[in-house]
């Protein structure tokens, strides 16, 4: 406990050891971050201003974009600043806040993606029942349920993580504070923490992934029955990229959070974490919106209004 009382802050890893590579990666990730902000902000503005996009699909798309802006902002800006200025310190409170916000956003993200898969399934497979199933009340309830369940999960995991004693080291083997990295630094028994992660993965991520997979299998089976090839291609071009992003997001996150603490390689861990921290907020706007004619039309309307005032 003497060592534990000395740990008042943690030291985060930077993107690379050499200054040149560190700056290159920092600039690259910063550009991706700014791109994700721009893409998501465009969706939010377009879906808010254009009244024709006042449907459940765009309601959740707007919510996902708001979430993705926060999700990327929790880790990327701080990591880029750390790499630029070689400032690696983060306080215990700052680390706890980062863990809570990151875990909260990740849990809401997977639930929103699941609801959006449900929305697409109903729209394509049960179009006549769409207004009844995906009504405003249902959308509101699902949003609140996602936020509350994620709030509870993030609070429990953050609380249990910072109940541990940290006396092995204060160097976090990651460019942001996350639970697996802190578990490796702890000299306490982390069995309960690992069990909680496993239960969360099975209960939330596992069930969400199963639901998404079933939804898209049904969508694709319905689409294959459509005689028009052009319509089939449109549906495939929307479904397949989304499935890929969900698989990358969940598989990389599951590997990082569920593997034994003893198995660790800093560069491998940092590379892997990019796939569940930086990639989804950047790709979601492209997959869901920039290929969508209604969004493109709404964006053109917004730009026309701005430049013709």
Protein backbone atom coordinates (compact mmCIF):
# COMPACT_ATOMS: atom_id res chain seq x y z
CA UNK A 1 0.00 0.00 0.00
CA UNK A 2 3.00 2.30 0.40
CA UNK A 3 3.59 2.15 -3.33
CA UNK A 4 -0.10 2.66 -4.06
CA UNK A 5 -0.22 5.94 -2.13
CA UNK A 6 2.55 7.30 -4.36
CA UNK A 7 0.53 6.80 -7.57
CA UNK A 8 -1.23 10.12 -8.00
CA UNK A 9 -1.01 10.09 -11.79
CA UNK A 10 -0.36 7.78 -14.72
CA UNK A 11 1.96 8.06 -17.73
CA UNK A 12 0.45 7.25 -21.12
CA UNK A 13 2.35 5.81 -24.08
CA UNK A 14 2.94 7.93 -27.18
CA UNK A 15 2.34 6.73 -30.74
CA UNK A 16 6.02 5.98 -31.49
CA UNK A 17 9.49 6.29 -30.01
CA UNK A 18 11.08 8.33 -32.81
CA UNK A 19 9.98 11.97 -33.00
CA UNK A 20 9.45 11.94 -36.82
CA UNK A 21 7.19 8.87 -36.80
CA UNK A 22 5.35 10.19 -33.76
CA UNK A 23 4.55 13.48 -35.52
CA UNK A 24 3.54 11.66 -38.73
CA UNK A 25 1.11 9.39 -36.86
CA UNK A 26 -0.21 12.28 -34.77
CA UNK A 27 -0.96 14.33 -37.89
CA UNK A 28 -2.58 11.31 -39.57
CA UNK A 29 -4.83 10.54 -36.59
CA UNK A 30 -5.65 14.23 -36.17
CA UNK A 31 -6.74 14.43 -39.82
CA UNK A 32 -8.88 11.30 -39.42
CA UNK A 33 -10.38 12.82 -36.26
CA UNK A 34 -11.17 16.12 -38.00
CA UNK A 35 -12.64 14.16 -40.91
CA UNK A 36 -14.90 12.21 -38.56
CA UNK A 37 -15.99 15.46 -36.87
CA UNK A 38 -16.79 17.07 -40.22
CA UNK A 39 -18.65 14.03 -41.53
CA UNK A 40 -20.72 13.56 -38.39
CA UNK A 41 -21.42 17.29 -37.99
CA UNK A 42 -22.64 17.41 -41.61
CA UNK A 43 -25.09 14.60 -40.88
CA UNK A 44 -26.34 16.27 -37.69
CA UNK A 45 -26.97 19.62 -39.41
CA UNK A 46 -28.59 18.04 -42.49
CA UNK A 47 -30.85 15.71 -40.48
CA UNK A 48 -31.89 18.55 -38.16
CA UNK A 49 -32.62 21.23 -40.78
CA UNK A 50 -34.23 19.10 -43.52
CA UNK A 51 -37.74 18.16 -42.39
CA UNK A 52 -37.96 15.35 -44.97
CA UNK A 53 -35.39 13.46 -42.86
CA UNK A 54 -37.69 13.41 -39.83
CA UNK A 55 -37.88 9.59 -39.78
CA UNK A 56 -36.69 6.94 -37.27
CA UNK A 57 -33.72 6.01 -39.47
CA UNK A 58 -32.36 9.56 -39.52
CA UNK A 59 -33.28 10.11 -35.88
CA UNK A 60 -30.90 7.30 -34.88
CA UNK A 61 -28.38 8.35 -37.53
CA UNK A 62 -28.25 11.83 -35.99
CA UNK A 63 -27.90 10.35 -32.50
CA UNK A 64 -25.11 8.05 -33.72
CA UNK A 65 -23.29 11.03 -35.25
CA UNK A 66 -23.53 13.02 -31.99
CA UNK A 67 -22.24 9.99 -30.12
CA UNK A 68 -19.38 9.39 -32.58
CA UNK A 69 -18.17 12.97 -32.18
CA UNK A 70 -17.97 12.44 -28.41
CA UNK A 71 -16.55 8.92 -28.77
CA UNK A 72 -13.62 10.10 -30.90
CA UNK A 73 -13.08 13.20 -28.76
CA UNK A 74 -12.55 11.15 -25.58
CA UNK A 75 -9.24 9.67 -26.74
CA UNK A 76 -7.83 11.11 -29.98
CA UNK A 77 -7.19 14.82 -29.20
CA UNK A 78 -5.47 14.05 -25.89
CA UNK A 79 -3.33 11.32 -27.50
CA UNK A 80 -2.29 13.65 -30.34
CA UNK A 81 -1.36 16.44 -27.91
CA UNK A 82 0.65 13.94 -25.83
CA UNK A 83 2.56 12.82 -28.92
CA UNK A 84 3.13 16.35 -30.24
CA UNK A 85 4.44 17.77 -26.98
CA UNK A 86 5.66 14.56 -25.30
CA UNK A 87 3.34 15.31 -22.37
CA UNK A 88 2.33 11.89 -21.08
CA UNK A 89 0.91 12.68 -17.64
CA UNK A 90 -2.72 12.08 -16.77
CA UNK A 91 -4.17 12.38 -13.26
CA UNK A 92 -6.09 9.60 -11.52
CA UNK A 93 -9.27 11.65 -11.89
CA UNK A 94 -8.57 12.31 -15.58
CA UNK A 95 -7.90 8.62 -16.15
CA UNK A 96 -11.14 7.64 -14.40
CA UNK A 97 -13.10 10.19 -16.46
CA UNK A 98 -11.57 8.87 -19.70
CA UNK A 99 -12.39 5.26 -18.82
CA UNK A 100 -15.96 6.15 -17.89
CA UNK A 101 -16.63 8.25 -21.00
CA UNK A 102 -14.96 5.78 -23.35
CA UNK A 103 -16.80 2.76 -21.93
CA UNK A 104 -20.10 4.68 -21.92
CA UNK A 105 -19.72 5.76 -25.56
CA UNK A 106 -18.66 2.27 -26.69
CA UNK A 107 -21.70 0.67 -25.02
CA UNK A 108 -24.12 3.22 -26.52
CA UNK A 109 -22.43 2.83 -29.93
CA UNK A 110 -23.05 -0.90 -30.19
CA UNK A 111 -26.65 -0.49 -28.99
CA UNK A 112 -27.36 2.27 -31.52
CA UNK A 113 -25.88 0.13 -34.30
CA UNK A 114 -28.17 -2.71 -33.19
CA UNK A 115 -31.27 -0.49 -33.22
CA UNK A 116 -30.33 0.81 -36.67
CA UNK A 117 -30.00 -2.77 -37.94
CA UNK A 118 -33.50 -3.39 -36.55
CA UNK A 119 -34.74 -0.26 -38.34
CA UNK A 120 -33.32 -1.47 -41.68
CA UNK A 121 -34.77 -4.96 -41.12
CA UNK A 122 -38.28 -3.61 -40.51
CA UNK A 123 -38.03 -1.12 -43.42
CA UNK A 124 -36.95 -3.80 -45.93
CA UNK A 125 -38.65 -6.96 -44.64
CA UNK A 126 -41.84 -5.49 -43.12
CA UNK A 127 -42.41 -2.16 -44.89
CA UNK A 128 -46.18 -2.05 -44.20
CA UNK A 129 -45.61 -2.41 -40.45
CA UNK A 130 -42.74 0.14 -40.37
CA UNK A 131 -44.79 3.14 -39.08
CA UNK A 132 -46.35 0.95 -36.36
CA UNK A 133 -43.17 -0.77 -35.12
CA UNK A 134 -40.70 2.12 -35.49
CA UNK A 135 -42.90 4.83 -34.01
CA UNK A 136 -41.64 7.91 -32.11
CA UNK A 137 -42.39 6.38 -28.72
CA UNK A 138 -40.37 3.25 -29.50
CA UNK A 139 -37.43 5.32 -30.79
CA UNK A 140 -37.43 7.48 -27.65
CA UNK A 141 -37.66 4.48 -25.33
CA UNK A 142 -34.82 2.64 -27.08
CA UNK A 143 -32.59 5.74 -26.92
CA UNK A 144 -33.22 6.26 -23.20
CA UNK A 145 -32.73 2.54 -22.49
CA UNK A 146 -29.39 2.56 -24.36
CA UNK A 147 -28.16 5.61 -22.46
CA UNK A 148 -29.24 4.36 -19.03
CA UNK A 149 -27.86 0.82 -19.44
CA UNK A 150 -24.56 2.22 -20.73
CA UNK A 151 -24.41 4.70 -17.84
CA UNK A 152 -24.83 1.87 -15.32
CA UNK A 153 -22.25 -0.37 -17.02
CA UNK A 154 -19.68 2.43 -17.35
CA UNK A 155 -20.18 3.48 -13.71
CA UNK A 156 -19.79 -0.08 -12.38
CA UNK A 157 -16.65 -0.83 -14.42
CA UNK A 158 -15.02 2.52 -13.57
CA UNK A 159 -15.79 2.14 -9.87
CA UNK A 160 -14.50 -1.46 -9.73
CA UNK A 161 -11.32 -0.52 -11.65
CA UNK A 162 -10.39 2.30 -9.27
CA UNK A 163 -11.04 0.13 -6.22
CA UNK A 164 -7.85 -1.72 -7.19
CA UNK A 165 -4.37 -0.97 -5.85
CA UNK A 166 -1.81 0.17 -8.43
CA UNK A 167 1.71 -0.60 -7.33
CA UNK A 168 3.44 -2.44 -10.20
CA UNK A 169 3.95 0.69 -12.29
CA UNK A 170 2.20 3.92 -13.24
CA UNK A 171 3.05 3.61 -16.97
CA UNK A 172 -0.14 2.73 -18.87
CA UNK A 173 0.78 0.59 -21.92
CA UNK A 174 -1.70 2.42 -24.15
CA UNK A 175 -2.23 5.91 -25.65
CA UNK A 176 -5.35 6.38 -23.50
CA UNK A 177 -6.65 5.03 -20.20
CA UNK A 178 -8.55 1.81 -20.68
CA UNK A 179 -9.53 -0.97 -18.30
CA UNK A 180 -7.31 -3.84 -19.61
CA UNK A 181 -4.20 -1.64 -19.37
CA UNK A 182 -4.95 -0.66 -15.77
CA UNK A 183 -5.68 -4.26 -14.78
CA UNK A 184 -2.13 -5.13 -15.84
CA UNK A 185 -0.77 -2.43 -13.51
CA UNK A 186 -2.74 -3.59 -10.50
CA UNK A 187 -1.28 -5.64 -7.67
CA UNK A 188 -4.80 -6.52 -6.44
CA UNK A 189 -6.84 -9.55 -7.39
CA UNK A 190 -8.52 -8.62 -10.70
CA UNK A 191 -10.71 -11.73 -11.03
CA UNK A 192 -13.96 -9.81 -10.33
CA UNK A 193 -13.02 -7.12 -12.86
CA UNK A 194 -12.26 -9.69 -15.56
CA UNK A 195 -15.48 -11.54 -14.76
CA UNK A 196 -17.45 -8.28 -15.11
CA UNK A 197 -15.81 -7.63 -18.49
CA UNK A 198 -16.67 -11.15 -19.64
CA UNK A 199 -20.31 -10.84 -18.51
CA UNK A 200 -20.62 -7.42 -20.18
CA UNK A 201 -19.13 -8.79 -23.40
CA UNK A 202 -21.49 -11.79 -23.44
CA UNK A 203 -24.54 -9.90 -22.19
CA UNK A 204 -24.28 -6.71 -24.24
CA UNK A 205 -21.82 -7.10 -27.12
CA UNK A 206 -22.64 -10.77 -27.75
CA UNK A 207 -26.41 -10.25 -27.79
CA UNK A 208 -26.10 -7.09 -29.93
CA UNK A 209 -23.85 -8.81 -32.46
CA UNK A 210 -26.22 -11.79 -32.66
CA UNK A 211 -29.19 -9.48 -33.22
CA UNK A 212 -27.33 -7.49 -35.91
CA UNK A 213 -26.23 -10.70 -37.66
CA UNK A 214 -29.77 -12.13 -37.66
CA UNK A 215 -31.21 -8.81 -38.92
CA UNK A 216 -28.79 -8.65 -41.84
CA UNK A 217 -29.21 -12.32 -42.74
CA UNK A 218 -32.96 -11.70 -43.00
CA UNK A 219 -32.40 -8.48 -44.95
CA UNK A 220 -30.08 -10.17 -47.43
CA UNK A 221 -32.40 -13.14 -47.86
CA UNK A 222 -35.26 -10.71 -48.62
CA UNK A 223 -33.11 -8.66 -51.01
CA UNK A 224 -32.05 -11.78 -52.94
CA UNK A 225 -35.72 -12.34 -53.80
CA UNK A 226 -35.93 -8.90 -55.44
CA UNK A 227 -35.89 -9.38 -59.25
CA UNK A 228 -34.26 -5.99 -60.01
CA UNK A 229 -30.47 -6.34 -59.88
CA UNK A 230 -29.88 -2.62 -59.32
CA UNK A 231 -31.95 -2.67 -56.13
CA UNK A 232 -30.04 -5.72 -54.90
CA UNK A 233 -26.71 -3.98 -55.45
CA UNK A 234 -27.94 -0.91 -53.55
CA UNK A 235 -28.91 -3.00 -50.53
CA UNK A 236 -25.66 -5.00 -50.59
CA UNK A 237 -23.56 -1.82 -50.82
CA UNK A 238 -25.25 -0.52 -47.66
CA UNK A 239 -25.30 -3.75 -45.64
CA UNK A 240 -21.83 -5.19 -46.31
CA UNK A 241 -19.73 -2.15 -45.25
CA UNK A 242 -21.79 -1.80 -42.07
CA UNK A 243 -21.31 -5.48 -41.23
CA UNK A 244 -17.55 -5.12 -41.78
CA UNK A 245 -17.32 -2.08 -39.45
CA UNK A 246 -19.38 -3.82 -36.75
CA UNK A 247 -17.19 -6.95 -37.00
CA UNK A 248 -13.94 -4.94 -36.83
CA UNK A 249 -15.27 -2.84 -33.94
CA UNK A 250 -16.47 -5.82 -31.89
CA UNK A 251 -13.66 -8.29 -32.69
CA UNK A 252 -10.84 -5.81 -31.95
CA UNK A 253 -12.60 -4.60 -28.77
CA UNK A 254 -13.32 -8.16 -27.62
CA UNK A 255 -9.71 -9.22 -28.15
CA UNK A 256 -8.38 -6.19 -26.26
CA UNK A 257 -10.79 -6.51 -23.34
CA UNK A 258 -11.12 -10.27 -22.92
CA UNK A 259 -7.65 -11.71 -23.42
CA UNK A 260 -5.62 -12.61 -20.29
CA UNK A 261 -3.64 -9.66 -18.82
CA UNK A 262 -0.39 -11.63 -19.12
CA UNK A 263 -0.62 -11.58 -22.93
CA UNK A 264 0.45 -8.07 -23.84
CA UNK A 265 2.44 -6.32 -26.55
CA UNK A 266 2.36 -2.51 -26.39
CA UNK A 267 2.61 -1.77 -30.13
CA UNK A 268 0.16 -4.53 -31.01
CA UNK A 269 -2.29 -3.27 -28.37
CA UNK A 270 -2.03 0.33 -29.57
CA UNK A 271 -2.48 -0.67 -33.22
CA UNK A 272 -5.47 -2.83 -32.35
CA UNK A 273 -7.10 -0.07 -30.29
CA UNK A 274 -7.16 2.20 -33.37
CA UNK A 275 -9.74 -0.17 -34.89
CA UNK A 276 -12.23 0.34 -32.06
CA UNK A 277 -11.47 3.97 -31.13
CA UNK A 278 -10.68 5.92 -34.31
CA UNK A 279 -12.01 3.86 -37.25
CA UNK A 280 -15.77 3.53 -36.40
CA UNK A 281 -16.48 7.28 -35.91
CA UNK A 282 -14.68 7.98 -39.20
CA UNK A 283 -16.36 5.25 -41.28
CA UNK A 284 -19.91 5.46 -39.92
CA UNK A 285 -20.76 8.75 -41.70
CA UNK A 286 -19.37 7.39 -44.98
CA UNK A 287 -21.25 4.10 -44.76
CA UNK A 288 -24.56 5.47 -43.52
CA UNK A 289 -24.81 8.86 -45.11
CA UNK A 290 -22.36 10.03 -47.71
CA UNK A 291 -23.61 7.20 -49.96
CA UNK A 292 -27.21 8.13 -49.18
CA UNK A 293 -29.05 10.23 -51.80
CA UNK A 294 -31.38 11.85 -49.26
CA UNK A 295 -28.47 12.98 -47.09
CA UNK A 296 -26.61 14.32 -50.14
CA UNK A 297 -29.72 16.23 -51.17
CA UNK A 298 -30.14 17.64 -47.64
CA UNK A 299 -26.46 18.68 -47.51
CA UNK A 300 -26.82 20.51 -50.84
CA UNK A 301 -29.87 22.33 -49.47
CA UNK A 302 -27.96 23.41 -46.35
CA UNK A 303 -24.99 24.64 -48.43
CA UNK A 304 -27.34 26.49 -50.79
CA UNK A 305 -29.00 28.25 -47.82
CA UNK A 306 -25.66 29.25 -46.31
CA UNK A 307 -24.24 30.76 -49.53
CA UNK A 308 -27.44 32.46 -50.67
CA UNK A 309 -28.29 34.45 -47.57
